[in-house]
All heavy atoms as atom14 arrays in JSON, in Angstrom:
{
  "sequence": "FLRTIELFEDLTDDQMAHVLMVGMVKRYRAESVILTEGTASGR",
  "atom14_mask": [
    [1, 1, 1, 1, 1, 1, 1, 1, 1, 1, 1, 0, 0, 0],
    [1, 1, 1, 1, 1, 1, 1, 1, 0, 0, 0, 0, 0, 0],
    [1, 1, 1, 1, 1, 1, 1, 1, 1, 1, 1, 0, 0, 0],
    [1, 1, 1, 1, 1, 1, 1, 0, 0, 0, 0, 0, 0, 0],
    [1, 1, 1, 1, 1, 1, 1, 1, 0, 0, 0, 0, 0, 0],
    [1, 1, 1, 1, 1, 1, 1, 1, 1, 0, 0, 0, 0, 0],
    [1, 1, 1, 1, 1, 1, 1, 1, 0, 0, 0, 0, 0, 0],
    [1, 1, 1, 1, 1, 1, 1, 1, 1, 1, 1, 0, 0, 0],
    [1, 1, 1, 1, 1, 1, 1, 1, 1, 0, 0, 0, 0, 0],
    [1, 1, 1, 1, 1, 1, 1, 1, 0, 0, 0, 0, 0, 0],
    [1, 1, 1, 1, 1, 1, 1, 1, 0, 0, 0, 0, 0, 0],
    [1, 1, 1, 1, 1, 1, 1, 0, 0, 0, 0, 0, 0, 0],
    [1, 1, 1, 1, 1, 1, 1, 1, 0, 0, 0, 0, 0, 0],
    [1, 1, 1, 1, 1, 1, 1, 1, 0, 0, 0, 0, 0, 0],
    [1, 1, 1, 1, 1, 1, 1, 1, 1, 0, 0, 0, 0, 0],
    [1, 1, 1, 1, 1, 1, 1, 1, 0, 0, 0, 0, 0, 0],
    [1, 1, 1, 1, 1, 0, 0, 0, 0, 0, 0, 0, 0, 0],
    [1, 1, 1, 1, 1, 1, 1, 1, 1, 1, 0, 0, 0, 0],
    [1, 1, 1, 1, 1, 1, 1, 0, 0, 0, 0, 0, 0, 0],
    [1, 1, 1, 1, 1, 1, 1, 1, 0, 0, 0, 0, 0, 0],
    [1, 1, 1, 1, 1, 1, 1, 1, 0, 0, 0, 0, 0, 0],
    [1, 1, 1, 1, 1, 1, 1, 0, 0, 0, 0, 0, 0, 0],
    [1, 1, 1, 1, 0, 0, 0, 0, 0, 0, 0, 0, 0, 0],
    [1, 1, 1, 1, 1, 1, 1, 1, 0, 0, 0, 0, 0, 0],
    [1, 1, 1, 1, 1, 1, 1, 0, 0, 0, 0, 0, 0, 0],
    [1, 1, 1, 1, 1, 1, 1, 1, 1, 0, 0, 0, 0, 0],
    [1, 1, 1, 1, 1, 1, 1, 1, 1, 1, 1, 0, 0, 0],
    [1, 1, 1, 1, 1, 1, 1, 1, 1, 1, 1, 1, 0, 0],
    [1, 1, 1, 1, 1, 1, 1, 1, 1, 1, 1, 0, 0, 0],
    [1, 1, 1, 1, 1, 0, 0, 0, 0, 0, 0, 0, 0, 0],
    [1, 1, 1, 1, 1, 1, 1, 1, 1, 0, 0, 0, 0, 0],
    [1, 1, 1, 1, 1, 1, 0, 0, 0, 0, 0, 0, 0, 0],
    [1, 1, 1, 1, 1, 1, 1, 0, 0, 0, 0, 0, 0, 0],
    [1, 1, 1, 1, 1, 1, 1, 1, 0, 0, 0, 0, 0, 0],
    [1, 1, 1, 1, 1, 1, 1, 1, 0, 0, 0, 0, 0, 0],
    [1, 1, 1, 1, 1, 1, 1, 0, 0, 0, 0, 0, 0, 0],
    [1, 1, 1, 1, 1, 1, 1, 1, 1, 0, 0, 0, 0, 0],
    [1, 1, 1, 1, 0, 0, 0, 0, 0, 0, 0, 0, 0, 0],
    [1, 1, 1, 1, 1, 1, 1, 0, 0, 0, 0, 0, 0, 0],
    [1, 1, 1, 1, 1, 0, 0, 0, 0, 0, 0, 0, 0, 0],
    [1, 1, 1, 1, 1, 1, 0, 0, 0, 0, 0, 0, 0, 0],
    [1, 1, 1, 1, 0, 0, 0, 0, 0, 0, 0, 0, 0, 0],
    [1, 1, 1, 1, 1, 1, 1, 1, 1, 1, 1, 0, 0, 0]
  ],
  "atom14_positions": [
    [[0.7, 11.38, -3.78], [1.24, 11.01, -2.49], [2.33, 9.95, -2.6], [3.44, 10.09, -2.04], [0.16, 10.55, -1.53], [0.66, 9.94, -0.24], [1.13, 10.74, 0.74], [0.58, 8.6, -0.05], [1.62, 10.21, 1.92], [1.07, 8.0, 1.14], [1.57, 8.79, 2.1], [0.0, 0.0, 0.0], [0.0, 0.0, 0.0], [0.0, 0.0, 0.0]],
    [[2.07, 8.92, -3.37], [3.05, 7.82, -3.52], [4.29, 8.31, -4.17], [5.38, 7.81, -3.89], [2.45, 6.66, -4.35], [1.32, 5.84, -3.58], [0.77, 4.74, -4.55], [1.89, 5.26, -2.29], [0.0, 0.0, 0.0], [0.0, 0.0, 0.0], [0.0, 0.0, 0.0], [0.0, 0.0, 0.0], [0.0, 0.0, 0.0], [0.0, 0.0, 0.0]],
    [[4.2, 9.28, -5.08], [5.4, 9.83, -5.73], [6.34, 10.52, -4.74], [7.52, 10.71, -5.01], [4.98, 10.77, -6.8], [4.31, 10.09, -7.94], [4.91, 10.5, -9.29], [4.17, 9.84, -10.4], [4.59, 8.68, -10.96], [5.68, 8.13, -10.55], [3.91, 8.13, -11.92], [0.0, 0.0, 0.0], [0.0, 0.0, 0.0], [0.0, 0.0, 0.0]],
    [[5.86, 10.84, -3.51], [6.72, 11.44, -2.51], [7.4, 10.41, -1.69], [8.24, 10.8, -0.87], [5.86, 12.36, -1.6], [4.98, 11.57, -0.83], [5.12, 13.44, -2.38], [0.0, 0.0, 0.0], [0.0, 0.0, 0.0], [0.0, 0.0, 0.0], [0.0, 0.0, 0.0], [0.0, 0.0, 0.0], [0.0, 0.0, 0.0], [0.0, 0.0, 0.0]],
    [[7.12, 9.15, -1.87], [7.72, 8.06, -1.08], [8.84, 7.38, -1.84], [8.63, 7.04, -3.0], [6.61, 7.03, -0.69], [5.56, 7.72, 0.18], [7.23, 5.86, 0.08], [4.34, 6.87, 0.33], [0.0, 0.0, 0.0], [0.0, 0.0, 0.0], [0.0, 0.0, 0.0], [0.0, 0.0, 0.0], [0.0, 0.0, 0.0], [0.0, 0.0, 0.0]],
    [[9.98, 7.26, -1.23], [11.13, 6.73, -1.9], [10.87, 5.43, -2.62], [11.38, 5.2, -3.73], [12.24, 6.54, -0.84], [13.54, 5.99, -1.37], [14.58, 5.84, -0.28], [14.24, 5.69, 0.93], [15.78, 5.84, -0.57], [0.0, 0.0, 0.0], [0.0, 0.0, 0.0], [0.0, 0.0, 0.0], [0.0, 0.0, 0.0], [0.0, 0.0, 0.0]],
    [[10.11, 4.57, -2.07], [9.81, 3.27, -2.64], [9.14, 3.38, -4.03], [9.32, 2.51, -4.85], [8.91, 2.48, -1.71], [8.64, 1.04, -1.98], [9.95, 0.22, -1.97], [7.7, 0.47, -0.93], [0.0, 0.0, 0.0], [0.0, 0.0, 0.0], [0.0, 0.0, 0.0], [0.0, 0.0, 0.0], [0.0, 0.0, 0.0], [0.0, 0.0, 0.0]],
    [[8.38, 4.45, -4.26], [7.59, 4.61, -5.49], [7.97, 5.74, -6.37], [7.42, 5.88, -7.46], [6.15, 4.71, -5.13], [5.59, 3.6, -4.3], [5.41, 3.78, -2.94], [5.31, 2.3, -4.84], [4.89, 2.72, -2.13], [4.86, 1.31, -4.06], [4.68, 1.49, -2.72], [0.0, 0.0, 0.0], [0.0, 0.0, 0.0], [0.0, 0.0, 0.0]],
    [[8.91, 6.56, -5.95], [9.2, 7.82, -6.66], [9.65, 7.65, -8.12], [9.52, 8.52, -8.91], [10.13, 8.71, -5.9], [11.53, 8.1, -5.71], [12.43, 8.91, -4.79], [11.95, 9.88, -4.18], [13.58, 8.53, -4.61], [0.0, 0.0, 0.0], [0.0, 0.0, 0.0], [0.0, 0.0, 0.0], [0.0, 0.0, 0.0], [0.0, 0.0, 0.0]],
    [[10.27, 6.49, -8.44], [10.81, 6.32, -9.8], [9.93, 5.51, -10.7], [10.31, 5.15, -11.79], [12.19, 5.66, -9.74], [13.22, 6.57, -9.07], [13.14, 7.82, -9.34], [14.1, 6.07, -8.35], [0.0, 0.0, 0.0], [0.0, 0.0, 0.0], [0.0, 0.0, 0.0], [0.0, 0.0, 0.0], [0.0, 0.0, 0.0], [0.0, 0.0, 0.0]],
    [[8.74, 5.25, -10.32], [7.82, 4.43, -11.16], [7.28, 5.33, -12.32], [7.06, 6.46, -12.15], [6.58, 3.95, -10.31], [6.84, 2.99, -9.16], [5.53, 2.57, -8.56], [7.66, 1.8, -9.67], [0.0, 0.0, 0.0], [0.0, 0.0, 0.0], [0.0, 0.0, 0.0], [0.0, 0.0, 0.0], [0.0, 0.0, 0.0], [0.0, 0.0, 0.0]],
    [[7.18, 4.67, -13.45], [6.58, 5.34, -14.61], [5.07, 5.45, -14.32], [4.57, 4.82, -13.41], [6.74, 4.51, -15.9], [6.02, 3.28, -15.78], [8.22, 4.3, -16.19], [0.0, 0.0, 0.0], [0.0, 0.0, 0.0], [0.0, 0.0, 0.0], [0.0, 0.0, 0.0], [0.0, 0.0, 0.0], [0.0, 0.0, 0.0], [0.0, 0.0, 0.0]],
    [[4.37, 6.23, -15.15], [2.93, 6.37, -14.96], [2.23, 5.0, -15.09], [1.27, 4.69, -14.34], [2.32, 7.37, -15.97], [2.72, 8.8, -15.66], [3.15, 9.09, -14.51], [2.6, 9.63, -16.56], [0.0, 0.0, 0.0], [0.0, 0.0, 0.0], [0.0, 0.0, 0.0], [0.0, 0.0, 0.0], [0.0, 0.0, 0.0], [0.0, 0.0, 0.0]],
    [[2.66, 4.18, -16.04], [2.07, 2.83, -16.23], [2.27, 1.96, -15.01], [1.45, 1.25, -14.53], [2.65, 2.12, -17.49], [2.07, 2.75, -18.77], [1.03, 3.48, -18.69], [2.63, 2.46, -19.85], [0.0, 0.0, 0.0], [0.0, 0.0, 0.0], [0.0, 0.0, 0.0], [0.0, 0.0, 0.0], [0.0, 0.0, 0.0], [0.0, 0.0, 0.0]],
    [[3.54, 2.0, -14.48], [3.83, 1.2, -13.29], [3.03, 1.68, -12.06], [2.56, 0.85, -11.3], [5.35, 1.23, -13.0], [6.14, 0.46, -14.07], [7.61, 0.83, -14.03], [8.02, 1.91, -13.59], [8.41, -0.05, -14.52], [0.0, 0.0, 0.0], [0.0, 0.0, 0.0], [0.0, 0.0, 0.0], [0.0, 0.0, 0.0], [0.0, 0.0, 0.0]],
    [[2.91, 2.99, -11.93], [2.15, 3.51, -10.81], [0.69, 3.09, -11.01], [0.04, 2.7, -9.98], [2.27, 5.05, -10.79], [1.53, 5.64, -9.62], [2.25, 5.18, -8.0], [3.67, 6.26, -7.98], [0.0, 0.0, 0.0], [0.0, 0.0, 0.0], [0.0, 0.0, 0.0], [0.0, 0.0, 0.0], [0.0, 0.0, 0.0], [0.0, 0.0, 0.0]],
    [[0.19, 3.15, -12.2], [-1.24, 2.68, -12.44], [-1.38, 1.22, -12.04], [-2.4, 0.86, -11.45], [-1.61, 2.92, -13.93], [0.0, 0.0, 0.0], [0.0, 0.0, 0.0], [0.0, 0.0, 0.0], [0.0, 0.0, 0.0], [0.0, 0.0, 0.0], [0.0, 0.0, 0.0], [0.0, 0.0, 0.0], [0.0, 0.0, 0.0], [0.0, 0.0, 0.0]],
    [[-0.35, 0.43, -12.33], [-0.39, -0.99, -11.98], [-0.44, -1.16, -10.46], [-1.22, -1.93, -9.93], [0.79, -1.76, -12.59], [0.79, -3.18, -12.23], [-0.02, -4.09, -12.84], [1.51, -3.87, -11.34], [0.23, -5.32, -12.33], [1.16, -5.21, -11.39], [0.0, 0.0, 0.0], [0.0, 0.0, 0.0], [0.0, 0.0, 0.0], [0.0, 0.0, 0.0]],
    [[0.4, -0.44, -9.75], [0.43, -0.49, -8.28], [-0.92, -0.11, -7.75], [-1.49, -0.76, -6.84], [1.53, 0.39, -7.69], [1.36, 0.6, -6.2], [2.89, -0.19, -8.02], [0.0, 0.0, 0.0], [0.0, 0.0, 0.0], [0.0, 0.0, 0.0], [0.0, 0.0, 0.0], [0.0, 0.0, 0.0], [0.0, 0.0, 0.0], [0.0, 0.0, 0.0]],
    [[-1.54, 0.94, -8.29], [-2.86, 1.42, -7.81], [-3.94, 0.44, -8.14], [-4.9, 0.29, -7.37], [-3.13, 2.78, -8.36], [-2.18, 3.89, -7.85], [-2.45, 5.22, -8.55], [-2.33, 4.08, -6.3], [0.0, 0.0, 0.0], [0.0, 0.0, 0.0], [0.0, 0.0, 0.0], [0.0, 0.0, 0.0], [0.0, 0.0, 0.0], [0.0, 0.0, 0.0]],
    [[-3.82, -0.3, -9.26], [-4.85, -1.26, -9.62], [-4.8, -2.5, -8.72], [-5.83, -3.08, -8.37], [-4.68, -1.73, -11.08], [-5.24, -0.79, -12.08], [-5.4, -1.38, -13.77], [-3.92, -2.44, -14.01], [0.0, 0.0, 0.0], [0.0, 0.0, 0.0], [0.0, 0.0, 0.0], [0.0, 0.0, 0.0], [0.0, 0.0, 0.0], [0.0, 0.0, 0.0]],
    [[-3.58, -2.9, -8.29], [-3.42, -4.16, -7.54], [-3.45, -3.83, -6.01], [-3.69, -4.73, -5.23], [-2.17, -4.9, -7.88], [-2.19, -5.39, -9.31], [-0.94, -4.2, -7.54], [0.0, 0.0, 0.0], [0.0, 0.0, 0.0], [0.0, 0.0, 0.0], [0.0, 0.0, 0.0], [0.0, 0.0, 0.0], [0.0, 0.0, 0.0], [0.0, 0.0, 0.0]],
    [[-3.24, -2.61, -5.7], [-3.27, -2.2, -4.26], [-4.65, -1.91, -3.86], [-5.56, -1.7, -4.68], [0.0, 0.0, 0.0], [0.0, 0.0, 0.0], [0.0, 0.0, 0.0], [0.0, 0.0, 0.0], [0.0, 0.0, 0.0], [0.0, 0.0, 0.0], [0.0, 0.0, 0.0], [0.0, 0.0, 0.0], [0.0, 0.0, 0.0], [0.0, 0.0, 0.0]],
    [[-4.86, -1.89, -2.55], [-6.17, -1.6, -2.02], [-6.01, -0.64, -0.81], [-5.19, -0.92, 0.1], [-6.88, -2.88, -1.55], [-8.29, -2.6, -1.03], [-9.18, -4.15, -0.68], [-8.32, -4.73, 0.74], [0.0, 0.0, 0.0], [0.0, 0.0, 0.0], [0.0, 0.0, 0.0], [0.0, 0.0, 0.0], [0.0, 0.0, 0.0], [0.0, 0.0, 0.0]],
    [[-6.71, 0.47, -0.84], [-6.71, 1.36, 0.28], [-7.85, 0.99, 1.23], [-8.97, 0.8, 0.81], [-6.88, 2.82, -0.15], [-6.95, 3.79, 1.05], [-5.75, 3.24, -1.07], [0.0, 0.0, 0.0], [0.0, 0.0, 0.0], [0.0, 0.0, 0.0], [0.0, 0.0, 0.0], [0.0, 0.0, 0.0], [0.0, 0.0, 0.0], [0.0, 0.0, 0.0]],
    [[-7.49, 0.82, 2.47], [-8.5, 0.48, 3.47], [-8.45, 1.49, 4.62], [-7.36, 1.92, 5.06], [-8.31, -0.91, 4.0], [-9.37, -1.37, 4.93], [-9.27, -2.86, 5.24], [-10.43, -3.25, 6.15], [-10.34, -4.61, 6.64], [0.0, 0.0, 0.0], [0.0, 0.0, 0.0], [0.0, 0.0, 0.0], [0.0, 0.0, 0.0], [0.0, 0.0, 0.0]],
    [[-9.6, 1.86, 5.09], [-9.67, 2.82, 6.28], [-9.83, 1.99, 7.49], [-10.63, 1.07, 7.57], [-10.88, 3.7, 6.1], [-11.09, 4.59, 7.38], [-11.79, 5.85, 7.11], [-10.87, 6.69, 6.46], [-11.19, 7.87, 5.98], [-12.38, 8.3, 5.99], [-10.3, 8.64, 5.41], [0.0, 0.0, 0.0], [0.0, 0.0, 0.0], [0.0, 0.0, 0.0]],
    [[-9.03, 2.31, 8.48], [-9.07, 1.69, 9.83], [-9.44, 2.73, 10.86], [-8.9, 3.82, 10.88], [-7.77, 1.04, 10.18], [-7.35, -0.11, 9.29], [-6.61, 0.15, 8.12], [-7.74, -1.39, 9.59], [-6.24, -0.91, 7.3], [-7.41, -2.44, 8.74], [-6.63, -2.19, 7.6], [-6.28, -3.21, 6.76], [0.0, 0.0, 0.0], [0.0, 0.0, 0.0]],
    [[-10.32, 2.35, 11.76], [-10.67, 3.22, 12.9], [-9.61, 3.06, 13.91], [-9.0, 2.02, 14.07], [-12.03, 2.83, 13.51], [-13.16, 3.11, 12.58], [-13.79, 4.38, 12.96], [-14.9, 4.65, 12.12], [-15.1, 5.82, 11.53], [-14.25, 6.78, 11.7], [-16.18, 6.07, 10.83], [0.0, 0.0, 0.0], [0.0, 0.0, 0.0], [0.0, 0.0, 0.0]],
    [[-9.43, 4.08, 14.75], [-8.42, 4.06, 15.83], [-8.63, 2.77, 16.67], [-9.78, 2.43, 16.98], [-8.51, 5.3, 16.72], [0.0, 0.0, 0.0], [0.0, 0.0, 0.0], [0.0, 0.0, 0.0], [0.0, 0.0, 0.0], [0.0, 0.0, 0.0], [0.0, 0.0, 0.0], [0.0, 0.0, 0.0], [0.0, 0.0, 0.0], [0.0, 0.0, 0.0]],
    [[-7.56, 2.13, 17.01], [-7.52, 0.9, 17.83], [-7.9, -0.39, 17.06], [-7.92, -1.5, 17.61], [-8.3, 1.0, 19.12], [-7.89, 2.17, 20.0], [-6.38, 2.13, 20.35], [-5.86, 1.0, 20.65], [-5.73, 3.15, 20.27], [0.0, 0.0, 0.0], [0.0, 0.0, 0.0], [0.0, 0.0, 0.0], [0.0, 0.0, 0.0], [0.0, 0.0, 0.0]],
    [[-8.17, -0.25, 15.76], [-8.44, -1.43, 14.89], [-7.12, -2.19, 14.59], [-6.11, -1.55, 14.4], [-9.09, -1.08, 13.61], [-10.31, -0.43, 13.8], [0.0, 0.0, 0.0], [0.0, 0.0, 0.0], [0.0, 0.0, 0.0], [0.0, 0.0, 0.0], [0.0, 0.0, 0.0], [0.0, 0.0, 0.0], [0.0, 0.0, 0.0], [0.0, 0.0, 0.0]],
    [[-7.2, -3.5, 14.59], [-6.01, -4.28, 14.25], [-5.83, -4.29, 12.74], [-6.76, -4.67, 12.02], [-6.13, -5.7, 14.83], [-4.96, -6.59, 14.37], [-6.23, -5.69, 16.29], [0.0, 0.0, 0.0], [0.0, 0.0, 0.0], [0.0, 0.0, 0.0], [0.0, 0.0, 0.0], [0.0, 0.0, 0.0], [0.0, 0.0, 0.0], [0.0, 0.0, 0.0]],
    [[-4.64, -3.93, 12.3], [-4.31, -3.97, 10.9], [-3.63, -5.24, 10.54], [-3.95, -5.91, 9.54], [-3.48, -2.73, 10.48], [-4.22, -1.43, 10.81], [-3.07, -2.82, 9.01], [-3.39, -0.21, 10.68], [0.0, 0.0, 0.0], [0.0, 0.0, 0.0], [0.0, 0.0, 0.0], [0.0, 0.0, 0.0], [0.0, 0.0, 0.0], [0.0, 0.0, 0.0]],
    [[-2.61, -5.62, 11.34], [-1.88, -6.88, 11.21], [-1.79, -7.52, 12.57], [-1.54, -6.84, 13.54], [-0.44, -6.63, 10.69], [-0.24, -6.31, 9.25], [1.26, -6.15, 8.96], [-0.79, -7.34, 8.34], [0.0, 0.0, 0.0], [0.0, 0.0, 0.0], [0.0, 0.0, 0.0], [0.0, 0.0, 0.0], [0.0, 0.0, 0.0], [0.0, 0.0, 0.0]],
    [[-1.85, -8.83, 12.59], [-1.66, -9.61, 13.83], [-0.38, -10.37, 13.77], [-0.09, -11.07, 12.78], [-2.87, -10.55, 14.04], [-4.08, -9.81, 14.03], [-2.75, -11.32, 15.32], [0.0, 0.0, 0.0], [0.0, 0.0, 0.0], [0.0, 0.0, 0.0], [0.0, 0.0, 0.0], [0.0, 0.0, 0.0], [0.0, 0.0, 0.0], [0.0, 0.0, 0.0]],
    [[0.4, -10.27, 14.84], [1.63, -10.96, 14.95], [1.4, -12.48, 14.66], [0.42, -13.05, 15.18], [2.24, -10.8, 16.33], [3.51, -11.6, 16.58], [4.06, -11.41, 17.96], [3.51, -10.61, 18.76], [5.05, -12.09, 18.29], [0.0, 0.0, 0.0], [0.0, 0.0, 0.0], [0.0, 0.0, 0.0], [0.0, 0.0, 0.0], [0.0, 0.0, 0.0]],
    [[2.23, -13.08, 13.8], [2.1, -14.48, 13.51], [1.1, -14.83, 12.41], [0.99, -15.99, 12.01], [0.0, 0.0, 0.0], [0.0, 0.0, 0.0], [0.0, 0.0, 0.0], [0.0, 0.0, 0.0], [0.0, 0.0, 0.0], [0.0, 0.0, 0.0], [0.0, 0.0, 0.0], [0.0, 0.0, 0.0], [0.0, 0.0, 0.0], [0.0, 0.0, 0.0]],
    [[0.39, -13.84, 11.89], [-0.58, -14.08, 10.81], [-0.12, -13.39, 9.51], [-0.04, -12.16, 9.44], [-1.97, -13.52, 11.19], [-2.4, -14.13, 12.41], [-2.99, -13.8, 10.06], [0.0, 0.0, 0.0], [0.0, 0.0, 0.0], [0.0, 0.0, 0.0], [0.0, 0.0, 0.0], [0.0, 0.0, 0.0], [0.0, 0.0, 0.0], [0.0, 0.0, 0.0]],
    [[0.25, -14.18, 8.53], [0.82, -13.66, 7.29], [-0.17, -12.7, 6.63], [-1.39, -12.97, 6.62], [1.19, -14.81, 6.35], [0.0, 0.0, 0.0], [0.0, 0.0, 0.0], [0.0, 0.0, 0.0], [0.0, 0.0, 0.0], [0.0, 0.0, 0.0], [0.0, 0.0, 0.0], [0.0, 0.0, 0.0], [0.0, 0.0, 0.0], [0.0, 0.0, 0.0]],
    [[0.37, -11.65, 6.0], [-0.47, -10.75, 5.22], [-0.09, -10.79, 3.75], [-0.96, -10.58, 2.93], [-0.35, -9.3, 5.72], [0.88, -8.72, 5.27], [0.0, 0.0, 0.0], [0.0, 0.0, 0.0], [0.0, 0.0, 0.0], [0.0, 0.0, 0.0], [0.0, 0.0, 0.0], [0.0, 0.0, 0.0], [0.0, 0.0, 0.0], [0.0, 0.0, 0.0]],
    [[1.16, -11.03, 3.45], [1.58, -11.1, 2.04], [1.51, -9.74, 1.31], [1.38, -9.71, 0.12], [0.0, 0.0, 0.0], [0.0, 0.0, 0.0], [0.0, 0.0, 0.0], [0.0, 0.0, 0.0], [0.0, 0.0, 0.0], [0.0, 0.0, 0.0], [0.0, 0.0, 0.0], [0.0, 0.0, 0.0], [0.0, 0.0, 0.0], [0.0, 0.0, 0.0]],
    [[1.61, -8.66, 2.12], [1.47, -7.31, 1.51], [2.5, -6.37, 2.15], [2.81, -6.48, 3.29], [0.08, -6.75, 1.73], [-1.0, -7.53, 0.95], [-2.38, -7.08, 1.33], [-3.4, -7.64, 0.46], [-3.75, -8.88, 0.53], [-3.26, -9.74, 1.35], [-4.7, -9.31, -0.36], [0.0, 0.0, 0.0], [0.0, 0.0, 0.0], [0.0, 0.0, 0.0]]
  ]
}
């Protein structure tokens, strides 16, 4: 999926593995807050 996104399409397999290791997939239910205005996420 990430390879279809412009931001990630040129990553090598090692770089993609790094992104996947440091990234975290989280599931949110409808109407759940993901980010709040004024609260830094750094992501």
